[in-house]
Amino acid sequence: MGAARGEHADPLFALVAGDISMPVTFNLGRLGWSPTVQLTAHLRSRPAPGWLRIQVESRAVHGMWFDSDATVVDSTGRLVCQARQLALSATP
């Protein structure tokens, strides 16, 4: 399933990769569990052999709510997965 065991990433692992990063609110010192309230993920293509690169960013943090957008790109630079979530962070 994953590159950790020396295997190539499959489509399921590409979807998981869109949600496995640390919560973006850790950068604000809000450590702890950040439960996902809503997650939408789109598998755009099968990943090529090799590593996946993940970029995660947030456009809004309001009180305990925040959003998170993840883009997963394969070793050839092709878009593999896009994921967006709305989540809760630890107390501000």
Protein backbone atom coordinates (compact mmCIF):
# COMPACT_ATOMS: atom_id res chain seq x y z
CA MET A 1 0.00 0.00 0.00
CA GLY A 2 2.67 2.56 0.83
CA ALA A 3 6.17 3.62 -0.04
CA ALA A 4 7.30 3.05 3.58
CA ARG A 5 7.79 -0.65 2.82
CA GLY A 6 9.51 0.05 -0.49
CA GLU A 7 6.32 -0.48 -2.48
CA HIS A 8 4.83 1.93 -4.97
CA ALA A 9 1.97 4.12 -3.81
CA ASP A 10 -1.43 2.90 -4.97
CA PRO A 11 -4.61 5.00 -5.40
CA LEU A 12 -5.84 4.21 -1.87
CA PHE A 13 -2.55 5.38 -0.35
CA ALA A 14 -2.76 8.54 -2.48
CA LEU A 15 -6.17 9.29 -0.94
CA VAL A 16 -4.86 8.67 2.58
CA ALA A 17 -1.90 10.95 1.84
CA GLY A 18 -4.34 13.83 1.47
CA ASP A 19 -5.27 13.50 5.17
CA ILE A 20 -2.21 12.24 7.06
CA SER A 21 -0.33 15.46 7.74
CA MET A 22 -0.16 17.24 11.08
CA PRO A 23 -2.99 19.74 11.54
CA VAL A 24 -2.02 23.16 10.16
CA THR A 25 -2.99 24.69 13.53
CA PHE A 26 0.09 23.08 15.11
CA ASN A 27 1.95 26.08 13.62
CA LEU A 28 -0.16 28.29 15.90
CA GLY A 29 0.77 26.29 19.00
CA ARG A 30 -2.58 24.49 19.10
CA LEU A 31 -1.32 21.02 19.83
CA GLY A 32 -3.65 18.11 20.35
CA TRP A 33 -6.37 16.23 18.57
CA SER A 34 -8.02 18.05 15.65
CA PRO A 35 -11.11 16.08 14.63
CA THR A 36 -12.24 16.31 11.04
CA VAL A 37 -15.83 17.50 10.67
CA GLN A 38 -16.01 17.24 6.89
CA LEU A 39 -13.55 15.80 4.35
CA THR A 40 -13.78 15.84 0.57
CA ALA A 41 -11.07 14.09 -1.44
CA HIS A 42 -10.73 13.76 -5.21
CA LEU A 43 -8.48 11.14 -6.77
CA ARG A 44 -7.28 12.74 -10.02
CA SER A 45 -4.97 10.04 -11.42
CA ARG A 46 -3.08 6.87 -10.53
CA PRO A 47 0.26 7.70 -8.90
CA ALA A 48 3.41 6.94 -10.86
CA PRO A 49 6.01 4.74 -9.14
CA GLY A 50 8.02 6.58 -6.52
CA TRP A 51 7.36 9.06 -3.75
CA LEU A 52 4.40 11.35 -3.27
CA ARG A 53 4.79 15.04 -2.41
CA ILE A 54 2.13 16.66 -0.23
CA GLN A 55 1.46 20.37 0.21
CA VAL A 56 -0.99 21.43 2.92
CA GLU A 57 -2.24 24.95 3.55
CA SER A 58 -5.04 26.74 5.35
CA ARG A 59 -6.98 29.79 4.29
CA ALA A 60 -8.99 30.34 7.47
CA VAL A 61 -8.71 29.77 11.21
CA HIS A 62 -11.71 31.15 13.12
CA GLY A 63 -11.94 30.32 16.80
CA MET A 64 -11.72 26.55 17.04
CA TRP A 65 -12.64 26.00 13.35
CA PHE A 66 -10.13 25.78 10.54
CA ASP A 67 -9.94 24.58 6.97
CA SER A 68 -7.13 22.64 5.34
CA ASP A 69 -6.35 22.02 1.66
CA ALA A 70 -3.98 19.24 0.62
CA THR A 71 -2.49 18.69 -2.83
CA VAL A 72 -0.76 15.36 -3.54
CA VAL A 73 1.63 15.15 -6.50
CA ASP A 74 3.46 12.02 -7.69
CA SER A 75 7.14 11.60 -8.62
CA THR A 76 6.48 12.85 -12.16
CA GLY A 77 4.82 16.06 -10.94
CA ARG A 78 1.32 14.92 -11.90
CA LEU A 79 -1.62 15.86 -9.66
CA VAL A 80 -2.82 12.70 -7.93
CA CYS A 81 -5.18 13.83 -5.16
CA GLN A 82 -6.83 16.98 -3.85
CA ALA A 83 -8.40 17.00 -0.39
CA ARG A 84 -10.21 19.70 1.58
CA GLN A 85 -11.36 19.46 5.17
CA LEU A 86 -13.11 21.46 7.82
CA ALA A 87 -11.89 20.59 11.32
CA LEU A 88 -11.77 21.66 14.95
CA SER A 89 -8.56 22.56 16.71
CA ALA A 90 -7.49 22.50 20.30
CA THR A 91 -8.65 25.45 22.41
CA PRO A 92 -7.06 28.73 21.21
